[in-house]
Amino acid sequence: MDDTQVGNSLPDEAHHEGGFRPMAELIQARKDEGADKTAGGSHYGELIEQVRELMDRARLVNPSDELAKEAISTLEQLNARLGTAVVDEWSSPSWTRTDLPARGNITLPPYTVVSGSSEGVTTELVFRTFHLGGNGAAHGGQIAVAFDDILGMTAALHTKAVTRTASLTIDYRSITPLNRPLTVRAHAERRDGRKVYLRATMHDGERLCAEANGLFIVLNPGQP
């Protein structure tokens, strides 16, 4: 994906796009080419991956009391240690690392961008064990989260502006499996003023798993 396109959708000093990104740290990162890929350091991606593995194990773990107490003690210490490095929303690298799956955002199902432009976005996505709904299938809510983020990226590239979700409709067509690469394709169908109408599909090979229709609204300057 061309990072310049993403960068151009970010606000600068003269154009405050609501409550999303116009902080001094990010403005400076835009000026310093490549700076957004260094936030969090060279080991940030592995840290996120280890947290994802922890979430996967926690989803299905059935611990003994001894193991649970040991894990609690370890996690308490780790949480205290990580607490010393917590920053505000705008300074966190968790959505700026375009070199990492889902930009390093731990709250999202991990996906990588195969291609992206104003014409549309294609991504490869994997729902992990943590995203289990039941009987080996991804949870419908997690599918919606993935669609929402990818459609939001598509809207940003199409409009070169920041948008918010106004409406998101998901049609679940077949079982969405875990732990295998899926293809999500999204594009803008039309724009009517500040309204952007988008569509996306999610496939497991040739099989359609789900599809989404979204309405996103371009924010006015200063609109949260």
Protein backbone atom coordinates (compact mmCIF):
# COMPACT_ATOMS: atom_id res chain seq x y z
CA MET A 1 0.00 0.00 0.00
CA ASP A 2 1.24 3.49 -0.79
CA ASP A 3 1.81 5.12 2.60
CA THR A 4 1.72 8.54 0.95
CA GLN A 5 -1.98 8.02 0.29
CA VAL A 6 -2.65 7.28 3.93
CA GLY A 7 -0.53 10.23 5.02
CA ASN A 8 -2.48 12.56 2.77
CA SER A 9 -5.67 11.64 4.62
CA LEU A 10 -4.23 12.90 7.90
CA PRO A 11 -5.00 16.45 9.06
CA ASP A 12 -2.39 19.14 9.49
CA GLU A 13 -2.18 22.35 11.52
CA ALA A 14 -4.62 24.13 9.20
CA HIS A 15 -7.24 21.39 9.07
CA HIS A 16 -8.33 19.84 12.33
CA GLU A 17 -10.29 16.68 11.49
CA GLY A 18 -12.42 16.32 14.56
CA GLY A 19 -11.05 14.24 17.41
CA PHE A 20 -9.02 11.75 15.41
CA ARG A 21 -5.43 12.63 14.61
CA PRO A 22 -4.38 16.30 14.76
CA MET A 23 -1.85 16.05 17.60
CA ALA A 24 1.62 17.58 17.47
CA GLU A 25 3.35 14.20 17.57
CA LEU A 26 1.47 12.96 14.53
CA ILE A 27 1.86 16.18 12.61
CA GLN A 28 5.62 15.91 13.13
CA ALA A 29 5.55 12.25 12.13
CA ARG A 30 3.92 13.20 8.84
CA LYS A 31 6.67 15.75 8.16
CA ASP A 32 9.42 13.26 8.98
CA GLU A 33 9.03 10.63 6.28
CA GLY A 34 8.82 7.16 7.74
CA ALA A 35 8.63 8.33 11.35
CA ASP A 36 5.31 6.60 11.92
CA LYS A 37 7.01 3.24 11.31
CA THR A 38 9.42 3.70 14.21
CA ALA A 39 6.91 4.50 16.94
CA GLY A 40 7.05 1.82 19.59
CA GLY A 41 10.49 0.67 18.51
CA SER A 42 11.76 -2.23 16.46
CA HIS A 43 10.28 -4.87 18.79
CA TYR A 44 6.76 -3.43 18.91
CA GLY A 45 5.43 -5.84 16.31
CA GLU A 46 6.67 -8.89 18.23
CA LEU A 47 5.16 -7.48 21.43
CA ILE A 48 1.77 -7.21 19.72
CA GLU A 49 2.11 -10.74 18.35
CA GLN A 50 2.89 -12.15 21.81
CA VAL A 51 -0.17 -10.39 23.22
CA ARG A 52 -2.28 -11.89 20.43
CA GLU A 53 -0.96 -15.35 21.32
CA LEU A 54 -1.85 -14.70 24.96
CA MET A 55 -5.38 -13.75 23.91
CA ASP A 56 -5.65 -16.93 21.81
CA ARG A 57 -4.64 -19.11 24.74
CA ALA A 58 -6.84 -17.24 27.21
CA ARG A 59 -9.85 -17.87 24.94
CA LEU A 60 -9.69 -21.64 25.48
CA VAL A 61 -7.59 -22.13 28.61
CA ASN A 62 -8.86 -24.36 31.43
CA PRO A 63 -6.22 -23.79 34.12
CA SER A 64 -5.67 -25.49 37.42
CA ASP A 65 -5.81 -23.26 40.49
CA GLU A 66 -2.03 -23.41 40.69
CA LEU A 67 -1.57 -22.35 37.07
CA ALA A 68 -4.21 -19.62 37.40
CA LYS A 69 -2.49 -18.12 40.46
CA GLU A 70 0.89 -18.28 38.75
CA ALA A 71 -0.50 -16.58 35.64
CA ILE A 72 -2.25 -13.91 37.73
CA SER A 73 0.98 -13.08 39.53
CA THR A 74 2.91 -12.89 36.26
CA LEU A 75 0.26 -10.73 34.61
CA GLU A 76 0.06 -8.38 37.59
CA GLN A 77 3.79 -7.78 37.37
CA LEU A 78 3.68 -7.36 33.61
CA ASN A 79 0.73 -4.95 33.78
CA ALA A 80 2.55 -2.86 36.35
CA ARG A 81 5.65 -2.79 34.15
CA LEU A 82 3.72 -1.89 31.00
CA GLY A 83 1.86 0.76 32.96
CA THR A 84 5.05 2.80 33.13
CA ALA A 85 5.00 3.16 29.33
CA VAL A 86 1.31 3.97 28.78
CA VAL A 87 0.74 7.17 26.76
CA ASP A 88 -2.34 9.00 25.57
CA GLU A 89 -4.40 7.86 22.58
CA TRP A 90 -2.70 10.25 20.17
CA SER A 91 0.85 9.25 21.08
CA SER A 92 0.26 5.50 20.93
CA PRO A 93 1.75 3.67 17.93
CA SER A 94 -1.14 1.19 17.97
CA TRP A 95 -2.79 2.55 14.82
CA THR A 96 0.11 4.29 13.05
CA ARG A 97 2.34 1.29 12.32
CA THR A 98 1.43 0.64 8.70
CA ASP A 99 4.20 -1.97 8.53
CA LEU A 100 2.29 -4.23 10.96
CA PRO A 101 -0.95 -6.24 10.64
CA ALA A 102 -3.96 -3.99 11.35
CA ARG A 103 -1.48 -1.12 11.84
CA GLY A 104 -0.45 -2.67 15.17
CA ASN A 105 -3.93 -2.24 16.66
CA ILE A 106 -4.48 -5.11 19.10
CA THR A 107 -8.26 -4.57 19.14
CA LEU A 108 -8.61 -5.50 15.46
CA PRO A 109 -8.44 -8.90 13.76
CA PRO A 110 -4.99 -8.83 12.13
CA TYR A 111 -4.98 -8.05 8.44
CA THR A 112 -2.42 -6.91 5.89
CA VAL A 113 -3.13 -4.57 3.00
CA VAL A 114 -2.45 -6.19 -0.37
CA SER A 115 -3.37 -3.09 -2.36
CA GLY A 116 -5.02 0.22 -1.62
CA SER A 117 -5.95 3.34 -3.57
CA SER A 118 -8.89 5.67 -4.12
CA GLU A 119 -10.36 2.88 -6.25
CA GLY A 120 -10.54 0.36 -3.44
CA VAL A 121 -8.72 -1.79 -0.90
CA THR A 122 -7.82 -5.48 -0.88
CA THR A 123 -6.63 -7.11 2.33
CA GLU A 124 -5.67 -10.52 3.66
CA LEU A 125 -7.19 -11.19 7.06
CA VAL A 126 -6.92 -14.00 9.62
CA PHE A 127 -9.39 -14.52 12.44
CA ARG A 128 -7.53 -16.16 15.29
CA THR A 129 -8.66 -18.40 18.14
CA PHE A 130 -9.43 -15.32 20.22
CA HIS A 131 -12.11 -14.38 17.65
CA LEU A 132 -13.97 -17.68 18.07
CA GLY A 133 -17.74 -17.46 18.08
CA GLY A 134 -18.55 -21.17 18.26
CA ASN A 135 -18.03 -24.47 16.51
CA GLY A 136 -14.78 -23.31 14.89
CA ALA A 137 -16.29 -20.21 13.28
CA ALA A 138 -15.39 -16.55 13.70
CA HIS A 139 -17.73 -14.49 15.88
CA GLY A 140 -20.10 -12.33 13.86
CA GLY A 141 -19.20 -9.27 15.89
CA GLN A 142 -15.53 -9.71 15.07
CA ILE A 143 -16.43 -9.93 11.38
CA ALA A 144 -18.25 -6.61 11.74
CA VAL A 145 -15.20 -5.06 13.44
CA ALA A 146 -13.00 -6.13 10.53
CA PHE A 147 -15.41 -4.76 7.94
CA ASP A 148 -15.81 -1.48 9.82
CA ASP A 149 -12.07 -0.81 9.96
CA ILE A 150 -11.36 -1.82 6.37
CA LEU A 151 -14.31 0.18 5.05
CA GLY A 152 -13.11 3.15 7.10
CA MET A 153 -9.69 2.89 5.45
CA THR A 154 -11.39 2.63 2.06
CA ALA A 155 -13.45 5.74 2.76
CA ALA A 156 -10.33 7.66 3.83
CA LEU A 157 -8.43 6.74 0.68
CA HIS A 158 -11.43 7.54 -1.51
CA THR A 159 -12.18 10.93 0.06
CA LYS A 160 -8.70 11.93 1.32
CA ALA A 161 -10.49 12.88 4.53
CA VAL A 162 -11.42 11.46 7.92
CA THR A 163 -14.83 9.80 8.20
CA ARG A 164 -17.04 8.18 10.81
CA THR A 165 -19.31 5.19 10.41
CA ALA A 166 -22.98 6.14 10.11
CA SER A 167 -24.37 2.74 9.14
CA LEU A 168 -22.93 -0.75 8.69
CA THR A 169 -24.97 -3.72 7.46
CA ILE A 170 -23.47 -7.22 7.42
CA ASP A 171 -24.90 -10.19 5.55
CA TYR A 172 -23.43 -13.49 6.75
CA ARG A 173 -23.42 -15.87 3.78
CA SER A 174 -21.50 -18.89 5.11
CA ILE A 175 -19.23 -20.00 7.95
CA THR A 176 -16.14 -17.82 8.38
CA PRO A 177 -13.24 -20.03 9.48
CA LEU A 178 -10.50 -19.31 11.98
CA ASN A 179 -6.74 -19.38 11.45
CA ARG A 180 -6.67 -19.27 7.67
CA PRO A 181 -6.17 -16.34 5.30
CA LEU A 182 -9.33 -14.68 4.03
CA THR A 183 -9.61 -12.01 1.36
CA VAL A 184 -11.53 -8.81 2.01
CA ARG A 185 -12.17 -6.45 -0.91
CA ALA A 186 -13.75 -3.04 -0.39
CA HIS A 187 -14.60 -0.09 -2.63
CA ALA A 188 -16.65 3.09 -2.62
CA GLU A 189 -19.78 2.80 -4.73
CA ARG A 190 -20.69 6.49 -4.75
CA ARG A 191 -20.42 9.75 -2.86
CA ASP A 192 -23.21 12.19 -2.17
CA GLY A 193 -21.79 15.29 -0.53
CA ARG A 194 -20.36 14.19 2.81
CA LYS A 195 -21.99 10.75 2.50
CA VAL A 196 -19.84 7.91 1.16
CA TYR A 197 -21.48 4.59 0.30
CA LEU A 198 -19.18 1.58 0.39
CA ARG A 199 -19.30 -2.15 -0.15
CA ALA A 200 -17.02 -5.02 0.88
CA THR A 201 -16.87 -8.80 0.58
CA MET A 202 -15.03 -11.46 2.60
CA HIS A 203 -13.99 -14.67 0.86
CA ASP A 204 -12.42 -17.96 1.90
CA GLY A 205 -10.92 -18.86 -1.46
CA GLU A 206 -13.86 -18.73 -3.87
CA ARG A 207 -16.48 -19.07 -1.13
CA LEU A 208 -18.27 -15.91 0.00
CA CYS A 209 -18.31 -15.76 3.82
CA ALA A 210 -19.87 -12.34 4.37
CA GLU A 211 -20.51 -9.01 2.71
CA ALA A 212 -21.02 -5.52 4.04
CA ASN A 213 -22.60 -2.26 3.02
CA GLY A 214 -21.53 0.88 4.83
CA LEU A 215 -22.40 4.54 4.96
CA PHE A 216 -19.59 6.78 6.16
CA ILE A 217 -19.75 10.53 6.79
CA VAL A 218 -16.87 12.90 6.01
CA LEU A 219 -16.19 14.99 9.08
CA ASN A 220 -16.34 18.76 8.99
CA PRO A 221 -13.30 20.65 10.31
CA GLY A 222 -13.35 20.42 14.10
CA GLN A 223 -16.15 17.85 14.18
CA PRO A 224 -15.53 15.04 16.72
